[in-house]
């Protein structure tokens, strides 16, 4: 199964980019033997002046980058919070049910537009706090790597 992090904006060189790349690469490398390939697509930020118009333009661009079929997870502060084991189990269930694509959507500074949220099969939150979209990328990449290690039977520190 292909796992894609589709995010609005481009992470510039710096500590967030380095951490994101590190965890995404580790998730991809470790996930290969589990039938999981991990990648990222960056979507340009909209130049619209109004936040709602920006979110909708970015949602259209994100949806245009999606595979025709597949599971879509929107990162949204109002979404469902899950623990790491449950997150890993969901990924395994989607893979084992025959889904060939899993896409995580991360909006820009204004969040995701309604079209992107409506398309999502799951809205996922990293707690009830609002996080900068750059850090959400890092946290998602880390959780993808953690999910791969859990699924591969690596000892988990919570056991």
N, C-alpha and C. Protein backbone atom coordinates (compact mmCIF):
# COMPACT_ATOMS: atom_id res chain seq x y z
N UNK A 1 0.85 -1.17 0.00
CA UNK A 1 0.00 0.00 0.00
C UNK A 1 0.90 1.23 0.00
N UNK A 2 0.52 2.18 -0.85
CA UNK A 2 1.22 3.47 -0.88
C UNK A 2 0.60 4.38 0.16
N UNK A 3 1.44 4.96 1.01
CA UNK A 3 1.01 5.96 1.97
C UNK A 3 1.62 7.28 1.55
N UNK A 4 0.76 8.27 1.34
CA UNK A 4 1.23 9.58 0.90
C UNK A 4 0.80 10.64 1.91
N UNK A 5 1.73 11.47 2.30
CA UNK A 5 1.43 12.66 3.09
C UNK A 5 1.29 13.78 2.08
N UNK A 6 0.07 14.27 1.88
CA UNK A 6 -0.20 15.37 0.95
C UNK A 6 -0.40 16.63 1.79
N UNK A 7 0.51 17.56 1.66
CA UNK A 7 0.51 18.73 2.54
C UNK A 7 0.56 20.02 1.75
N UNK A 8 -0.15 21.02 2.26
CA UNK A 8 -0.13 22.35 1.66
C UNK A 8 1.13 23.07 2.12
N UNK A 9 1.81 23.67 1.18
CA UNK A 9 3.01 24.44 1.49
C UNK A 9 4.26 23.61 1.38
N UNK A 10 5.36 24.30 1.38
CA UNK A 10 6.65 23.65 1.25
C UNK A 10 7.44 23.87 2.54
N UNK A 11 7.90 22.78 3.13
CA UNK A 11 8.75 22.93 4.31
C UNK A 11 10.12 23.41 3.87
N UNK A 12 10.54 24.50 4.43
CA UNK A 12 11.87 25.02 4.11
C UNK A 12 12.93 24.24 4.88
N UNK A 13 14.16 24.36 4.43
CA UNK A 13 15.27 23.71 5.12
C UNK A 13 15.31 24.21 6.56
N UNK A 14 15.55 23.30 7.47
CA UNK A 14 15.60 23.66 8.88
C UNK A 14 15.29 22.44 9.72
N UNK A 15 15.14 22.63 11.02
CA UNK A 15 14.95 21.47 11.91
C UNK A 15 13.66 20.70 11.64
N UNK A 16 12.57 21.41 11.30
CA UNK A 16 11.32 20.70 11.01
C UNK A 16 11.47 19.83 9.77
N UNK A 17 12.10 20.37 8.74
CA UNK A 17 12.31 19.62 7.49
C UNK A 17 13.19 18.40 7.74
N UNK A 18 14.26 18.61 8.51
CA UNK A 18 15.18 17.51 8.80
C UNK A 18 14.47 16.39 9.56
N UNK A 19 13.68 16.73 10.55
CA UNK A 19 12.95 15.71 11.32
C UNK A 19 11.91 15.01 10.45
N UNK A 20 11.17 15.79 9.67
CA UNK A 20 10.16 15.21 8.79
C UNK A 20 10.81 14.22 7.82
N UNK A 21 11.85 14.65 7.15
CA UNK A 21 12.54 13.78 6.19
C UNK A 21 13.09 12.53 6.86
N UNK A 22 13.65 12.71 8.05
CA UNK A 22 14.23 11.57 8.77
C UNK A 22 13.17 10.52 9.09
N UNK A 23 12.04 10.94 9.67
CA UNK A 23 11.01 9.97 10.04
C UNK A 23 10.32 9.38 8.81
N UNK A 24 10.09 10.19 7.79
CA UNK A 24 9.44 9.67 6.58
C UNK A 24 10.33 8.64 5.90
N UNK A 25 11.61 8.92 5.82
CA UNK A 25 12.56 7.97 5.21
C UNK A 25 12.63 6.68 6.03
N UNK A 26 12.66 6.81 7.34
CA UNK A 26 12.71 5.63 8.20
C UNK A 26 11.43 4.81 8.06
N UNK A 27 10.27 5.48 7.99
CA UNK A 27 9.00 4.77 7.82
C UNK A 27 8.98 4.04 6.48
N UNK A 28 9.45 4.71 5.44
CA UNK A 28 9.46 4.09 4.11
C UNK A 28 10.39 2.88 4.08
N UNK A 29 11.58 3.05 4.60
CA UNK A 29 12.57 1.97 4.58
C UNK A 29 12.09 0.77 5.40
N UNK A 30 11.59 1.02 6.61
CA UNK A 30 11.14 -0.07 7.47
C UNK A 30 9.80 -0.66 7.01
N UNK A 31 9.00 0.12 6.32
CA UNK A 31 7.69 -0.34 5.89
C UNK A 31 7.70 -1.22 4.66
N UNK A 32 8.77 -1.18 3.89
CA UNK A 32 8.81 -1.94 2.63
C UNK A 32 8.52 -3.43 2.84
N UNK A 33 9.10 -4.02 3.88
CA UNK A 33 8.88 -5.47 4.09
C UNK A 33 7.48 -5.76 4.61
N UNK A 34 6.73 -4.72 4.97
CA UNK A 34 5.34 -4.89 5.41
C UNK A 34 4.34 -4.54 4.30
N UNK A 35 4.87 -4.23 3.12
CA UNK A 35 4.01 -3.84 2.01
C UNK A 35 3.55 -2.41 2.08
N UNK A 36 4.33 -1.55 2.75
CA UNK A 36 4.00 -0.14 2.90
C UNK A 36 5.12 0.73 2.32
N UNK A 37 4.75 1.62 1.43
CA UNK A 37 5.70 2.58 0.87
C UNK A 37 5.21 3.97 1.26
N UNK A 38 6.08 4.81 1.77
CA UNK A 38 5.69 6.11 2.31
C UNK A 38 6.37 7.22 1.51
N UNK A 39 5.57 8.26 1.17
CA UNK A 39 6.09 9.37 0.36
C UNK A 39 5.35 10.65 0.75
N UNK A 40 5.78 11.77 0.18
CA UNK A 40 5.17 13.06 0.46
C UNK A 40 4.94 13.82 -0.85
N UNK A 41 3.82 14.53 -0.90
CA UNK A 41 3.54 15.46 -2.00
C UNK A 41 3.23 16.82 -1.39
N UNK A 42 3.93 17.83 -1.84
CA UNK A 42 3.67 19.18 -1.35
C UNK A 42 2.86 19.94 -2.39
N UNK A 43 1.80 20.58 -1.92
CA UNK A 43 0.88 21.34 -2.76
C UNK A 43 1.13 22.83 -2.49
N UNK A 44 1.26 23.64 -3.52
CA UNK A 44 1.51 25.07 -3.27
C UNK A 44 0.38 25.73 -2.47
N UNK A 45 0.76 26.68 -1.62
CA UNK A 45 -0.24 27.46 -0.89
C UNK A 45 -0.98 28.35 -1.87
N UNK A 46 -2.24 28.57 -1.60
CA UNK A 46 -3.05 29.46 -2.43
C UNK A 46 -2.65 30.91 -2.17
N UNK A 47 -2.77 31.73 -3.20
CA UNK A 47 -2.47 33.16 -3.07
C UNK A 47 -3.71 33.98 -2.75
N UNK A 48 -4.85 33.32 -2.57
CA UNK A 48 -6.09 34.03 -2.27
C UNK A 48 -5.94 34.84 -0.99
N UNK A 49 -6.59 35.99 -0.94
CA UNK A 49 -6.45 36.87 0.22
C UNK A 49 -7.33 36.45 1.40
N UNK A 50 -8.48 35.90 1.15
CA UNK A 50 -9.40 35.49 2.21
C UNK A 50 -9.11 34.05 2.64
N UNK A 51 -9.15 33.81 3.94
CA UNK A 51 -8.83 32.48 4.47
C UNK A 51 -9.73 31.39 3.89
N UNK A 52 -11.04 31.66 3.80
CA UNK A 52 -11.95 30.64 3.27
C UNK A 52 -11.64 30.32 1.82
N UNK A 53 -11.34 31.34 1.03
CA UNK A 53 -10.99 31.12 -0.38
C UNK A 53 -9.69 30.35 -0.49
N UNK A 54 -8.72 30.66 0.39
CA UNK A 54 -7.44 29.93 0.39
C UNK A 54 -7.68 28.46 0.72
N UNK A 55 -8.47 28.20 1.76
CA UNK A 55 -8.72 26.81 2.16
C UNK A 55 -9.41 26.02 1.05
N UNK A 56 -10.36 26.64 0.38
CA UNK A 56 -11.08 25.93 -0.68
C UNK A 56 -10.18 25.68 -1.90
N UNK A 57 -9.36 26.67 -2.26
CA UNK A 57 -8.43 26.47 -3.38
C UNK A 57 -7.42 25.38 -3.05
N UNK A 58 -6.94 25.38 -1.83
CA UNK A 58 -5.98 24.35 -1.42
C UNK A 58 -6.64 22.98 -1.34
N UNK A 59 -7.90 22.93 -0.90
CA UNK A 59 -8.63 21.66 -0.86
C UNK A 59 -8.79 21.10 -2.26
N UNK A 60 -9.11 21.95 -3.21
CA UNK A 60 -9.25 21.51 -4.61
C UNK A 60 -7.93 20.95 -5.11
N UNK A 61 -6.82 21.62 -4.81
CA UNK A 61 -5.50 21.15 -5.24
C UNK A 61 -5.15 19.82 -4.57
N UNK A 62 -5.42 19.71 -3.28
CA UNK A 62 -5.15 18.45 -2.58
C UNK A 62 -5.97 17.31 -3.16
N UNK A 63 -7.26 17.55 -3.38
CA UNK A 63 -8.12 16.50 -3.93
C UNK A 63 -7.70 16.12 -5.34
N UNK A 64 -7.18 17.07 -6.09
CA UNK A 64 -6.69 16.78 -7.43
C UNK A 64 -5.46 15.89 -7.44
N UNK A 65 -4.75 15.86 -6.32
CA UNK A 65 -3.54 15.04 -6.22
C UNK A 65 -3.82 13.64 -5.68
N UNK A 66 -5.08 13.38 -5.32
CA UNK A 66 -5.43 12.07 -4.75
C UNK A 66 -5.56 11.02 -5.84
N UNK A 67 -5.25 9.76 -5.50
CA UNK A 67 -5.59 8.67 -6.42
C UNK A 67 -7.11 8.57 -6.52
N UNK A 68 -7.59 7.97 -7.59
CA UNK A 68 -9.03 7.86 -7.81
C UNK A 68 -9.70 7.12 -6.65
N UNK A 69 -9.11 6.04 -6.22
CA UNK A 69 -9.65 5.28 -5.09
C UNK A 69 -8.65 5.36 -3.95
N UNK A 70 -9.04 4.88 -2.82
CA UNK A 70 -8.12 4.85 -1.69
C UNK A 70 -8.71 5.51 -0.47
N UNK A 71 -8.04 5.32 0.62
CA UNK A 71 -8.46 5.86 1.91
C UNK A 71 -7.86 7.26 2.07
N UNK A 72 -8.66 8.18 2.59
CA UNK A 72 -8.20 9.55 2.83
C UNK A 72 -8.40 9.87 4.30
N UNK A 73 -7.33 10.36 4.93
CA UNK A 73 -7.37 10.78 6.32
C UNK A 73 -7.02 12.26 6.36
N UNK A 74 -7.91 13.05 6.93
CA UNK A 74 -7.68 14.49 7.06
C UNK A 74 -7.18 14.78 8.46
N UNK A 75 -6.08 15.48 8.57
CA UNK A 75 -5.59 15.94 9.87
C UNK A 75 -6.37 17.19 10.22
N UNK A 76 -7.13 17.11 11.31
CA UNK A 76 -8.05 18.17 11.66
C UNK A 76 -8.14 18.26 13.18
N UNK A 77 -8.02 19.45 13.72
CA UNK A 77 -8.05 19.60 15.17
C UNK A 77 -9.36 19.13 15.79
N UNK A 78 -10.42 19.02 15.01
CA UNK A 78 -11.71 18.55 15.52
C UNK A 78 -11.92 17.06 15.24
N UNK A 79 -10.87 16.39 14.77
CA UNK A 79 -10.98 14.98 14.44
C UNK A 79 -10.88 14.07 15.65
N UNK A 80 -10.77 12.80 15.37
CA UNK A 80 -10.70 11.77 16.40
C UNK A 80 -9.24 11.58 16.83
N UNK A 81 -9.02 11.50 18.12
CA UNK A 81 -7.68 11.20 18.64
C UNK A 81 -7.59 9.69 18.87
N UNK A 82 -6.51 9.10 18.40
CA UNK A 82 -6.28 7.66 18.60
C UNK A 82 -4.89 7.46 19.17
N UNK A 83 -4.69 6.34 19.86
CA UNK A 83 -3.35 6.05 20.36
C UNK A 83 -2.53 5.41 19.25
N UNK A 84 -1.25 5.27 19.50
CA UNK A 84 -0.32 4.77 18.47
C UNK A 84 -0.64 3.35 18.04
N UNK A 85 -1.00 2.49 18.97
CA UNK A 85 -1.34 1.11 18.60
C UNK A 85 -2.59 1.06 17.72
N UNK A 86 -3.60 1.85 18.06
CA UNK A 86 -4.83 1.89 17.25
C UNK A 86 -4.54 2.45 15.86
N UNK A 87 -3.68 3.45 15.79
CA UNK A 87 -3.28 4.03 14.52
C UNK A 87 -2.61 2.97 13.65
N UNK A 88 -1.68 2.24 14.22
CA UNK A 88 -0.99 1.18 13.49
C UNK A 88 -1.98 0.11 13.03
N UNK A 89 -2.91 -0.26 13.90
CA UNK A 89 -3.90 -1.29 13.55
C UNK A 89 -4.79 -0.83 12.40
N UNK A 90 -5.19 0.44 12.40
CA UNK A 90 -6.01 0.96 11.29
C UNK A 90 -5.26 0.85 9.97
N UNK A 91 -3.99 1.24 9.99
CA UNK A 91 -3.18 1.16 8.76
C UNK A 91 -3.10 -0.29 8.28
N UNK A 92 -2.85 -1.20 9.20
CA UNK A 92 -2.77 -2.62 8.83
C UNK A 92 -4.11 -3.12 8.29
N UNK A 93 -5.21 -2.72 8.91
CA UNK A 93 -6.53 -3.15 8.44
C UNK A 93 -6.81 -2.62 7.05
N UNK A 94 -6.49 -1.36 6.79
CA UNK A 94 -6.69 -0.80 5.45
C UNK A 94 -5.84 -1.55 4.42
N UNK A 95 -4.58 -1.80 4.77
CA UNK A 95 -3.70 -2.55 3.86
C UNK A 95 -4.25 -3.94 3.63
N UNK A 96 -4.63 -4.63 4.69
CA UNK A 96 -5.09 -6.01 4.58
C UNK A 96 -6.44 -6.14 3.90
N UNK A 97 -7.22 -5.06 3.87
CA UNK A 97 -8.52 -5.11 3.20
C UNK A 97 -8.39 -4.82 1.71
N UNK A 98 -7.17 -4.60 1.24
CA UNK A 98 -6.93 -4.42 -0.19
C UNK A 98 -6.79 -2.99 -0.66
N UNK A 99 -6.81 -2.03 0.25
CA UNK A 99 -6.62 -0.63 -0.17
C UNK A 99 -5.19 -0.46 -0.69
N UNK A 100 -5.08 0.09 -1.88
CA UNK A 100 -3.75 0.28 -2.46
C UNK A 100 -3.16 1.64 -2.13
N UNK A 101 -4.02 2.59 -1.70
CA UNK A 101 -3.55 3.94 -1.42
C UNK A 101 -4.16 4.46 -0.12
N UNK A 102 -3.32 5.13 0.66
CA UNK A 102 -3.73 5.80 1.88
C UNK A 102 -3.09 7.18 1.84
N UNK A 103 -3.92 8.21 1.87
CA UNK A 103 -3.42 9.58 1.79
C UNK A 103 -3.81 10.35 3.03
N UNK A 104 -2.84 11.00 3.62
CA UNK A 104 -3.06 11.90 4.75
C UNK A 104 -3.02 13.32 4.24
N UNK A 105 -4.07 14.10 4.52
CA UNK A 105 -4.15 15.49 4.08
C UNK A 105 -3.81 16.42 5.23
N UNK A 106 -2.87 17.33 4.97
CA UNK A 106 -2.50 18.36 5.94
C UNK A 106 -2.69 19.70 5.27
N UNK A 107 -3.55 20.52 5.85
CA UNK A 107 -3.82 21.84 5.30
C UNK A 107 -2.71 22.82 5.60
N UNK A 108 -2.90 24.02 5.09
CA UNK A 108 -1.96 25.10 5.35
C UNK A 108 -2.27 25.75 6.69
N UNK A 109 -1.76 26.95 6.90
CA UNK A 109 -1.96 27.64 8.17
C UNK A 109 -3.43 27.86 8.53
N UNK A 110 -4.32 27.91 7.54
CA UNK A 110 -5.74 28.12 7.80
C UNK A 110 -6.51 26.83 8.00
N UNK A 111 -5.87 25.69 7.80
CA UNK A 111 -6.53 24.40 7.92
C UNK A 111 -6.99 23.87 6.58
N UNK A 112 -7.85 22.87 6.63
CA UNK A 112 -8.37 22.23 5.41
C UNK A 112 -9.74 22.80 5.05
N UNK A 113 -9.98 22.92 3.75
CA UNK A 113 -11.27 23.36 3.26
C UNK A 113 -12.32 22.27 3.42
N UNK A 114 -13.58 22.67 3.33
CA UNK A 114 -14.70 21.76 3.52
C UNK A 114 -14.66 20.58 2.54
N UNK A 115 -14.27 20.81 1.30
CA UNK A 115 -14.24 19.72 0.31
C UNK A 115 -13.27 18.62 0.73
N UNK A 116 -12.14 19.00 1.28
CA UNK A 116 -11.15 18.01 1.74
C UNK A 116 -11.67 17.27 2.96
N UNK A 117 -12.27 18.00 3.89
CA UNK A 117 -12.82 17.36 5.08
C UNK A 117 -13.96 16.42 4.73
N UNK A 118 -14.80 16.81 3.78
CA UNK A 118 -15.92 15.97 3.36
C UNK A 118 -15.45 14.69 2.67
N UNK A 119 -14.34 14.75 1.96
CA UNK A 119 -13.82 13.58 1.25
C UNK A 119 -13.16 12.57 2.19
N UNK A 120 -12.77 13.01 3.36
CA UNK A 120 -12.01 12.17 4.28
C UNK A 120 -12.84 10.99 4.80
N UNK A 121 -12.20 9.84 4.83
CA UNK A 121 -12.79 8.65 5.45
C UNK A 121 -12.62 8.70 6.96
N UNK A 122 -11.62 9.46 7.40
CA UNK A 122 -11.35 9.63 8.83
C UNK A 122 -10.76 11.02 9.03
N UNK A 123 -11.23 11.70 10.06
CA UNK A 123 -10.62 12.95 10.50
C UNK A 123 -9.83 12.62 11.75
N UNK A 124 -8.55 12.92 11.72
CA UNK A 124 -7.64 12.55 12.78
C UNK A 124 -7.08 13.80 13.44
N UNK A 125 -7.03 13.78 14.77
CA UNK A 125 -6.48 14.92 15.53
C UNK A 125 -5.32 14.44 16.38
N UNK A 126 -4.33 15.29 16.51
CA UNK A 126 -3.24 15.05 17.45
C UNK A 126 -3.55 15.83 18.73
N UNK A 127 -4.65 15.48 19.37
CA UNK A 127 -5.09 16.17 20.58
C UNK A 127 -6.01 17.32 20.23
N UNK A 128 -6.45 18.01 21.26
CA UNK A 128 -7.40 19.10 21.06
C UNK A 128 -6.72 20.44 20.84
N UNK A 129 -5.42 20.51 21.02
CA UNK A 129 -4.71 21.76 20.77
C UNK A 129 -4.53 21.99 19.27
N UNK A 130 -4.34 23.23 18.92
CA UNK A 130 -4.02 23.58 17.53
C UNK A 130 -2.51 23.51 17.38
N UNK A 131 -2.05 22.83 16.32
CA UNK A 131 -0.62 22.68 16.07
C UNK A 131 -0.25 23.38 14.77
N UNK A 132 0.94 23.96 14.69
CA UNK A 132 1.39 24.52 13.42
C UNK A 132 1.50 23.41 12.38
N UNK A 133 1.12 23.71 11.15
CA UNK A 133 1.10 22.66 10.13
C UNK A 133 2.48 22.06 9.89
N UNK A 134 3.56 22.82 10.14
CA UNK A 134 4.90 22.25 9.98
C UNK A 134 5.14 21.15 11.01
N UNK A 135 4.69 21.38 12.25
CA UNK A 135 4.89 20.37 13.29
C UNK A 135 3.96 19.17 13.09
N UNK A 136 2.77 19.40 12.55
CA UNK A 136 1.86 18.29 12.26
C UNK A 136 2.53 17.32 11.29
N UNK A 137 3.23 17.85 10.32
CA UNK A 137 3.94 16.97 9.38
C UNK A 137 4.95 16.09 10.10
N UNK A 138 5.72 16.72 10.99
CA UNK A 138 6.73 15.97 11.74
C UNK A 138 6.05 14.91 12.61
N UNK A 139 4.99 15.30 13.32
CA UNK A 139 4.30 14.36 14.20
C UNK A 139 3.68 13.22 13.41
N UNK A 140 3.12 13.51 12.25
CA UNK A 140 2.55 12.44 11.42
C UNK A 140 3.63 11.50 10.93
N UNK A 141 4.74 12.05 10.45
CA UNK A 141 5.83 11.20 9.97
C UNK A 141 6.36 10.30 11.08
N UNK A 142 6.46 10.86 12.29
CA UNK A 142 6.93 10.06 13.42
C UNK A 142 5.93 8.96 13.73
N UNK A 143 4.63 9.26 13.70
CA UNK A 143 3.61 8.25 13.98
C UNK A 143 3.55 7.19 12.90
N UNK A 144 3.82 7.56 11.65
CA UNK A 144 3.90 6.56 10.59
C UNK A 144 5.07 5.62 10.84
N UNK A 145 6.21 6.18 11.23
CA UNK A 145 7.36 5.34 11.56
C UNK A 145 7.05 4.44 12.76
N UNK A 146 6.42 5.00 13.79
CA UNK A 146 6.06 4.23 14.98
C UNK A 146 5.08 3.11 14.60
N UNK A 147 4.12 3.40 13.73
CA UNK A 147 3.16 2.38 13.29
C UNK A 147 3.88 1.24 12.59
N UNK A 148 4.82 1.56 11.74
CA UNK A 148 5.59 0.53 11.03
C UNK A 148 6.37 -0.33 12.02
N UNK A 149 6.97 0.29 13.01
CA UNK A 149 7.74 -0.50 13.98
C UNK A 149 6.81 -1.37 14.82
N UNK A 150 5.63 -0.85 15.18
CA UNK A 150 4.66 -1.65 15.93
C UNK A 150 4.21 -2.84 15.09
N UNK A 151 3.90 -2.60 13.83
CA UNK A 151 3.42 -3.67 12.95
C UNK A 151 4.50 -4.72 12.66
N UNK A 152 5.76 -4.31 12.72
CA UNK A 152 6.84 -5.26 12.46
C UNK A 152 7.23 -6.05 13.70
N UNK A 153 6.56 -5.76 14.84
CA UNK A 153 6.84 -6.52 16.05
C UNK A 153 7.99 -5.98 16.87
N UNK A 154 8.48 -4.81 16.52
CA UNK A 154 9.56 -4.20 17.28
C UNK A 154 9.07 -3.94 18.70
N UNK A 155 9.90 -4.16 19.71
CA UNK A 155 9.45 -3.89 21.09
C UNK A 155 8.98 -2.44 21.23
N UNK A 156 7.84 -2.29 21.84
CA UNK A 156 7.22 -0.98 22.01
C UNK A 156 7.37 -0.55 23.46
N UNK A 157 7.80 0.67 23.69
CA UNK A 157 8.12 1.11 25.04
C UNK A 157 6.92 1.15 25.97
N UNK A 158 5.71 1.06 25.47
CA UNK A 158 4.51 1.09 26.30
C UNK A 158 4.14 -0.30 26.81
N UNK A 159 4.85 -1.33 26.35
CA UNK A 159 4.54 -2.70 26.80
C UNK A 159 5.22 -3.00 28.12
